[in-house]
Amino acid sequence: MDLNIMMDHEIKKIIKTAGRFYMNNAKGRGFLMRTVPEMKKSTAIRKQQELKGLHVPPFLIASIASQCNLHCAGCYARAGGGCGNTSNQTDMDSNQWRTVFDQASELGIAFILLAGGEPFLRRDILTLAGEYPNLIFPVFTNGTMMDESVMELLDRHRNIIPIFSIEGKATETDSRRGAGTYAQIESAMATLKKHHILFGASITVTKENIELVTESAFLKALEKKGCGVSLYVEYVPAEAGTEYLVLDEKEIKKLQAICLELRKSFRRMVILSFPGDEEEMGGCLASGRGFFHINPHGDAEPCPFSPYAKQNLKSDSLESVLRSQYFADLREIAAKAGNHGGCTLFDEKKQVEGLMG
């Protein structure tokens, strides 16, 4: 099946599942009534772009903050230089991000995943995101900055969807992110549930926690807390010395199979896996095939786990990045590598570095 058709089908399933979540909530239904036509419009725009010879992915990943109030073990953003004080580059300002969001809207991009660092350190960008009801902004957060003003923002702008990063329950999450982190996440979840606001969990899956986080009881507990999105992210050893946590091929296949079964039982929850779901899409979705990544300084990278860039969005356009020979070469590397599980471009690091010249 054509990649565009498959991805459009997946988007429809996401919106349909969100519809089940918001079925009995007036604000949620209002959000969906506005969003469904916008998603259809974005799909139509992408089809028109395809006819003009430009493949536009429906997703974009934007790391909007180079700072974080936590120092989580194995953080890919710190390891790749996108988080912390390792760079003398300046973060993109709100006007520069506005230009990116404008271009994304015009090209037909539907989802912009906001990450960091800690994205809630950039309230100016989150407030800006609220001005784009035609775009959906999942926000990947450590959950420690969800104060009353944040809750008000999320209540007003349902297109901004917080996704809490966890490793399991309190023991597993706190061991990576710091004591008391999970309690703050639970408190934020309780407030969001009270206001009937859709939120999700991004679950980092390792050899140590795969049994726990794939249990039906674990997902039921999240659903009871009000969670409507569960994203299973296979651990990528961006930090040297953590390779022992990586899932082997058998475990990756197991995770994919479990996710398929869980989707049948949890009809009101969006359940995705990354990069596991890429297999259904014919392989690696990075480098503009399904998404690409913009780091806090504006560098256009193929993927958060492959932080190599030749263009910068402070001066270049999204379209020029998508049309670039660099991204075309990266897609060819991924295609030749085949669908072997795990993060393709991270595993093909030497070939990617070879393109940097």
Protein backbone atom coordinates (compact mmCIF):
# COMPACT_ATOMS: atom_id res chain seq x y z
CA MET A 1 0.00 0.00 0.00
CA ASP A 2 1.16 3.57 -0.75
CA LEU A 3 2.91 5.25 2.21
CA ASN A 4 0.68 8.33 2.04
CA ILE A 5 -2.47 6.21 2.16
CA MET A 6 -1.12 4.23 5.13
CA MET A 7 -0.17 7.34 7.09
CA ASP A 8 -3.49 9.04 6.35
CA HIS A 9 -5.24 5.89 7.54
CA GLU A 10 -3.25 5.95 10.80
CA ILE A 11 -4.15 9.62 11.35
CA LYS A 12 -7.84 8.80 10.86
CA LYS A 13 -7.52 6.03 13.47
CA ILE A 14 -5.87 8.44 15.92
CA ILE A 15 -8.65 11.02 15.48
CA LYS A 16 -11.34 8.31 15.73
CA THR A 17 -9.85 7.01 18.99
CA ALA A 18 -9.61 10.55 20.35
CA GLY A 19 -13.29 10.86 19.46
CA ARG A 20 -14.11 7.94 21.74
CA PHE A 21 -12.10 9.61 24.53
CA TYR A 22 -13.98 12.89 24.15
CA MET A 23 -17.42 11.37 23.48
CA ASN A 24 -18.97 12.61 26.74
CA ASN A 25 -17.12 15.92 27.01
CA ALA A 26 -18.49 19.14 25.47
CA LYS A 27 -15.14 20.95 25.10
CA GLY A 28 -13.58 17.82 23.69
CA ARG A 29 -16.35 17.37 21.15
CA GLY A 30 -15.95 21.00 20.14
CA PHE A 31 -12.22 20.42 19.63
CA LEU A 32 -12.91 17.39 17.44
CA MET A 33 -15.54 19.22 15.37
CA ARG A 34 -12.92 21.85 14.55
CA THR A 35 -10.07 19.39 14.11
CA VAL A 36 -11.58 16.76 11.79
CA PRO A 37 -12.14 19.24 8.89
CA GLU A 38 -8.62 20.64 9.41
CA MET A 39 -7.09 17.14 9.20
CA LYS A 40 -8.98 16.53 5.96
CA LYS A 41 -7.75 19.87 4.63
CA SER A 42 -4.13 19.00 5.53
CA THR A 43 -4.45 15.65 3.76
CA ALA A 44 -5.75 17.39 0.63
CA ILE A 45 -2.86 19.88 0.69
CA ARG A 46 -0.29 17.06 1.01
CA LYS A 47 -1.87 15.30 -1.96
CA GLN A 48 -1.58 18.48 -4.02
CA GLN A 49 2.08 18.85 -2.99
CA GLU A 50 2.71 15.25 -4.06
CA LEU A 51 1.32 16.04 -7.52
CA LYS A 52 3.84 18.90 -7.68
CA GLY A 53 6.69 16.51 -6.91
CA LEU A 54 7.07 17.30 -3.22
CA HIS A 55 6.47 14.61 -0.59
CA VAL A 56 5.30 16.31 2.62
CA PRO A 57 5.26 14.16 5.77
CA PRO A 58 2.26 14.58 8.08
CA PHE A 59 4.51 14.84 11.14
CA LEU A 60 7.27 17.18 12.27
CA ILE A 61 9.32 16.92 15.48
CA ALA A 62 10.41 20.24 16.97
CA SER A 63 12.68 20.41 20.00
CA ILE A 64 11.87 23.93 21.14
CA ALA A 65 13.97 24.12 24.34
CA SER A 66 17.69 23.51 24.82
CA GLN A 67 17.40 23.53 28.61
CA CYS A 68 15.80 21.12 31.07
CA ASN A 69 15.19 21.20 34.81
CA LEU A 70 16.02 17.48 35.07
CA HIS A 71 19.08 15.45 34.13
CA CYS A 72 17.65 12.06 33.13
CA ALA A 73 19.98 9.11 32.65
CA GLY A 74 20.52 8.21 28.98
CA CYS A 75 18.91 11.40 27.63
CA TYR A 76 19.27 11.44 23.82
CA ALA A 77 18.89 15.24 23.69
CA ARG A 78 21.86 15.83 26.01
CA ALA A 79 23.93 13.14 24.29
CA GLY A 80 23.25 14.70 20.88
CA GLY A 81 24.06 18.24 22.01
CA GLY A 82 20.50 19.53 21.68
CA CYS A 83 20.08 19.98 25.43
CA GLY A 84 22.39 21.56 27.99
CA ASN A 85 25.12 24.14 27.73
CA THR A 86 27.34 22.33 25.23
CA SER A 87 26.60 24.68 22.32
CA ASN A 88 27.24 28.39 21.73
CA GLN A 89 24.29 28.56 19.35
CA THR A 90 21.16 30.49 20.30
CA ASP A 91 17.71 28.93 20.47
CA MET A 92 15.16 29.95 17.87
CA ASP A 93 12.90 32.75 19.09
CA SER A 94 9.11 32.80 18.91
CA ASN A 95 9.04 34.69 15.59
CA GLN A 96 11.33 32.12 14.00
CA TRP A 97 9.13 29.30 15.28
CA ARG A 98 6.08 31.18 13.98
CA THR A 99 7.65 31.08 10.52
CA VAL A 100 8.14 27.32 10.86
CA PHE A 101 4.53 26.79 11.99
CA ASP A 102 3.26 28.99 9.13
CA GLN A 103 5.24 26.99 6.59
CA ALA A 104 4.09 23.70 8.12
CA SER A 105 0.45 24.81 7.80
CA GLU A 106 0.93 25.82 4.18
CA LEU A 107 2.60 22.51 3.29
CA GLY A 108 -0.11 20.37 4.91
CA ILE A 109 1.78 19.08 7.93
CA ALA A 110 -0.81 18.02 10.52
CA PHE A 111 1.12 17.18 13.71
CA ILE A 112 4.09 19.01 15.24
CA LEU A 113 5.53 17.05 18.16
CA LEU A 114 7.12 19.47 20.62
CA ALA A 115 10.09 18.24 22.64
CA GLY A 116 13.23 19.59 24.30
CA GLY A 117 14.93 19.83 26.74
CA GLU A 118 11.77 20.57 28.67
CA PRO A 119 9.28 22.27 26.32
CA PHE A 120 7.30 23.88 29.17
CA LEU A 121 10.36 26.09 29.76
CA ARG A 122 9.32 27.77 26.49
CA ARG A 123 5.85 29.00 27.37
CA ASP A 124 6.11 31.58 24.59
CA ILE A 125 6.22 28.79 21.98
CA LEU A 126 3.41 26.83 23.64
CA THR A 127 1.26 29.96 23.70
CA LEU A 128 2.11 30.42 20.02
CA ALA A 129 1.01 26.84 19.29
CA GLY A 130 -2.44 27.73 20.62
CA GLU A 131 -2.79 30.14 17.70
CA TYR A 132 -2.74 27.23 15.21
CA PRO A 133 -5.95 25.22 15.72
CA ASN A 134 -5.31 23.49 12.38
CA LEU A 135 -2.21 21.83 13.84
CA ILE A 136 -2.03 19.28 16.67
CA PHE A 137 0.88 19.71 19.09
CA PRO A 138 1.69 16.67 21.28
CA VAL A 139 4.12 18.02 23.92
CA PHE A 140 6.66 15.57 25.37
CA THR A 141 7.24 16.70 28.94
CA ASN A 142 8.78 15.45 32.18
CA GLY A 143 5.59 16.62 33.92
CA THR A 144 7.22 18.73 36.64
CA MET A 145 6.09 22.16 35.42
CA MET A 146 2.32 21.72 35.14
CA ASP A 147 1.18 24.66 37.22
CA GLU A 148 -2.25 26.31 37.20
CA SER A 149 -1.42 28.64 34.32
CA VAL A 150 -0.30 25.66 32.21
CA MET A 151 -3.57 23.88 32.97
CA GLU A 152 -5.51 26.95 31.86
CA LEU A 153 -3.54 27.04 28.60
CA LEU A 154 -4.25 23.35 27.93
CA ASP A 155 -7.94 23.80 28.77
CA ARG A 156 -8.24 26.69 26.29
CA HIS A 157 -6.26 25.03 23.52
CA ARG A 158 -7.11 21.34 23.21
CA ASN A 159 -4.76 21.02 20.20
CA ILE A 160 -1.86 21.11 22.70
CA ILE A 161 -1.68 17.60 24.16
CA PRO A 162 0.77 16.86 27.01
CA ILE A 163 2.61 13.54 26.72
CA PHE A 164 4.32 12.53 29.99
CA SER A 165 7.64 10.70 29.75
CA ILE A 166 7.72 7.68 32.05
CA GLU A 167 9.60 4.38 32.41
CA GLY A 168 6.92 2.47 34.31
CA LYS A 169 5.68 3.18 37.81
CA ALA A 170 7.29 5.40 40.46
CA THR A 171 10.32 3.17 41.07
CA GLU A 172 11.28 2.87 37.41
CA THR A 173 10.55 6.49 36.48
CA ASP A 174 12.23 8.07 39.50
CA SER A 175 15.34 5.92 39.09
CA ARG A 176 15.94 7.55 35.70
CA ARG A 177 14.44 11.01 36.21
CA GLY A 178 14.92 11.77 39.90
CA ALA A 179 13.09 11.13 43.18
CA GLY A 180 9.56 12.52 43.31
CA THR A 181 9.19 12.96 39.54
CA TYR A 182 6.47 10.33 39.18
CA ALA A 183 4.44 11.84 42.02
CA GLN A 184 4.42 15.18 40.17
CA ILE A 185 3.33 13.42 36.98
CA GLU A 186 0.49 11.67 38.82
CA SER A 187 -0.65 14.98 40.30
CA ALA A 188 -0.70 16.58 36.83
CA MET A 189 -2.61 13.60 35.42
CA ALA A 190 -5.23 13.92 38.17
CA THR A 191 -5.78 17.60 37.36
CA LEU A 192 -6.04 16.91 33.62
CA LYS A 193 -8.53 14.12 34.25
CA LYS A 194 -10.60 16.45 36.42
CA HIS A 195 -10.83 18.90 33.52
CA HIS A 196 -11.40 16.12 30.93
CA ILE A 197 -8.27 17.11 28.98
CA LEU A 198 -6.68 14.52 26.70
CA PHE A 199 -3.11 13.57 27.66
CA GLY A 200 -0.72 10.71 26.98
CA ALA A 201 2.29 8.80 28.23
CA SER A 202 5.54 8.21 26.38
CA ILE A 203 6.95 4.97 27.78
CA THR A 204 10.64 4.29 27.22
CA VAL A 205 10.97 0.52 26.79
CA THR A 206 14.15 -1.28 27.86
CA LYS A 207 15.19 -4.84 28.66
CA GLU A 208 14.58 -3.99 32.32
CA ASN A 209 10.97 -2.80 32.09
CA ILE A 210 9.46 -4.45 28.99
CA GLU A 211 7.53 -7.02 31.02
CA LEU A 212 6.04 -4.41 33.37
CA VAL A 213 5.00 -1.75 30.84
CA THR A 214 3.37 -4.16 28.40
CA GLU A 215 1.11 -5.76 31.01
CA SER A 216 -2.59 -5.07 30.49
CA ALA A 217 -2.84 -4.06 34.16
CA PHE A 218 -0.21 -1.34 33.64
CA LEU A 219 -2.17 0.18 30.77
CA LYS A 220 -5.45 -0.15 32.67
CA ALA A 221 -3.93 1.85 35.52
CA LEU A 222 -2.91 4.61 33.09
CA GLU A 223 -6.38 4.59 31.50
CA LYS A 224 -7.94 4.93 34.95
CA LYS A 225 -5.77 8.02 35.54
CA GLY A 226 -7.29 9.54 32.38
CA CYS A 227 -4.54 8.71 29.87
CA GLY A 228 -5.75 8.57 26.26
CA VAL A 229 -2.45 8.06 24.39
CA SER A 230 0.29 5.49 25.05
CA LEU A 231 3.44 5.71 22.98
CA TYR A 232 5.99 2.93 23.43
CA VAL A 233 9.49 4.20 22.53
CA GLU A 234 12.25 1.63 22.16
CA TYR A 235 15.34 2.78 24.06
CA VAL A 236 18.15 4.04 21.83
CA PRO A 237 21.62 4.05 23.49
CA ALA A 238 22.52 7.65 22.67
CA GLU A 239 24.57 7.71 25.88
CA ALA A 240 27.58 5.37 25.67
CA GLY A 241 27.56 2.52 28.16
CA THR A 242 23.79 1.98 28.11
CA GLU A 243 23.71 -0.56 25.29
CA TYR A 244 22.69 -3.30 27.73
CA LEU A 245 19.22 -1.70 27.95
CA VAL A 246 18.48 -2.02 24.22
CA LEU A 247 15.79 -4.48 23.12
CA ASP A 248 17.00 -7.35 20.96
CA GLU A 249 15.20 -8.38 17.77
CA LYS A 250 13.05 -10.96 19.57
CA GLU A 251 11.95 -8.40 22.16
CA ILE A 252 11.14 -5.83 19.46
CA LYS A 253 8.90 -8.36 17.69
CA LYS A 254 7.29 -9.18 21.04
CA LEU A 255 6.59 -5.49 21.69
CA GLN A 256 4.99 -5.06 18.28
CA ALA A 257 2.78 -8.12 18.78
CA ILE A 258 1.69 -6.97 22.25
CA CYS A 259 0.81 -3.50 20.94
CA LEU A 260 -1.45 -5.08 18.31
CA GLU A 261 -3.27 -7.02 21.01
CA LEU A 262 -3.52 -4.05 23.38
CA ARG A 263 -5.18 -1.95 20.65
CA LYS A 264 -8.01 -4.48 20.52
CA SER A 265 -8.65 -4.17 24.28
CA PHE A 266 -8.14 -0.42 24.77
CA ARG A 267 -10.52 1.13 22.26
CA ARG A 268 -10.48 4.60 23.87
CA MET A 269 -6.68 4.81 23.88
CA VAL A 270 -4.28 5.58 21.02
CA ILE A 271 -1.47 3.00 21.24
CA LEU A 272 1.63 3.48 19.10
CA SER A 273 5.19 2.17 19.11
CA PHE A 274 8.35 3.81 17.78
CA PRO A 275 10.26 2.87 15.79
CA GLY A 276 8.32 -0.43 15.83
CA ASP A 277 5.36 0.87 13.82
CA GLU A 278 7.77 1.90 11.06
CA GLU A 279 7.90 -1.71 9.91
CA GLU A 280 4.27 -1.49 8.78
CA MET A 281 5.21 1.67 6.85
CA GLY A 282 8.01 0.00 4.91
CA GLY A 283 10.93 1.09 7.09
CA CYS A 284 12.54 4.21 8.54
CA LEU A 285 10.26 7.27 8.48
CA ALA A 286 12.99 9.83 9.19
CA SER A 287 14.55 12.34 6.77
CA GLY A 288 11.19 13.63 5.58
CA ARG A 289 9.64 10.28 4.69
CA GLY A 290 7.28 10.46 7.65
CA PHE A 291 8.87 13.26 9.69
CA PHE A 292 12.09 15.11 10.38
CA HIS A 293 13.49 16.87 13.44
CA ILE A 294 14.28 20.52 14.12
CA ASN A 295 16.58 21.06 17.09
CA PRO A 296 16.30 24.12 19.39
CA HIS A 297 18.85 26.03 17.31
CA GLY A 298 16.93 25.43 14.08
CA ASP A 299 19.09 22.67 12.60
CA ALA A 300 17.09 20.36 10.32
CA GLU A 301 18.06 16.84 11.40
CA PRO A 302 16.74 13.56 9.95
CA CYS A 303 15.75 12.23 13.39
CA PRO A 304 16.22 13.10 17.09
CA PHE A 305 18.50 10.05 17.35
CA SER A 306 20.58 11.13 14.33
CA PRO A 307 21.59 14.76 15.06
CA TYR A 308 23.35 15.66 11.82
CA ALA A 309 22.23 18.70 9.83
CA LYS A 310 23.20 20.59 6.69
CA GLN A 311 20.45 23.24 6.78
CA ASN A 312 19.00 25.54 9.41
CA LEU A 313 15.43 26.81 9.63
CA LYS A 314 16.59 30.28 10.70
CA SER A 315 17.55 30.82 7.07
CA ASP A 316 16.18 27.87 5.07
CA SER A 317 12.59 26.82 4.40
CA LEU A 318 10.87 23.57 5.28
CA GLU A 319 10.34 22.94 1.59
CA SER A 320 14.03 23.33 0.76
CA VAL A 321 14.90 20.83 3.51
CA LEU A 322 12.35 18.32 2.20
CA ARG A 323 13.71 18.73 -1.34
CA SER A 324 17.36 18.51 -0.27
CA GLN A 325 19.77 15.97 -1.73
CA TYR A 326 21.03 15.31 1.81
CA PHE A 327 17.65 13.99 2.96
CA ALA A 328 17.30 12.01 -0.28
CA ASP A 329 20.67 10.36 0.40
CA LEU A 330 19.63 9.58 3.98
CA ARG A 331 16.44 7.92 2.77
CA GLU A 332 18.52 5.80 0.40
CA ILE A 333 20.81 4.73 3.25
CA ALA A 334 17.79 3.72 5.32
CA ALA A 335 16.22 1.83 2.41
CA LYS A 336 19.42 -0.13 1.71
CA ALA A 337 19.83 -0.94 5.41
CA GLY A 338 16.47 -2.71 5.36
CA ASN A 339 13.91 -3.15 8.06
CA HIS A 340 15.93 -4.81 10.84
CA GLY A 341 14.29 -3.28 13.91
CA GLY A 342 15.61 -0.53 16.14
CA CYS A 343 16.61 2.94 14.94
CA THR A 344 18.01 2.59 11.42
CA LEU A 345 19.94 5.86 11.10
CA PHE A 346 21.40 5.51 14.60
CA ASP A 347 22.68 2.07 13.62
CA GLU A 348 24.02 3.45 10.30
CA LYS A 349 25.82 6.34 12.06
CA LYS A 350 29.06 5.99 10.09
CA GLN A 351 27.28 6.25 6.74
CA VAL A 352 25.32 9.27 7.93
CA GLU A 353 28.48 10.98 9.16
CA GLY A 354 30.05 10.24 5.78
CA LEU A 355 27.48 12.47 4.11
CA MET A 356 28.53 15.45 6.22
CA GLY A 357 31.74 15.86 4.24
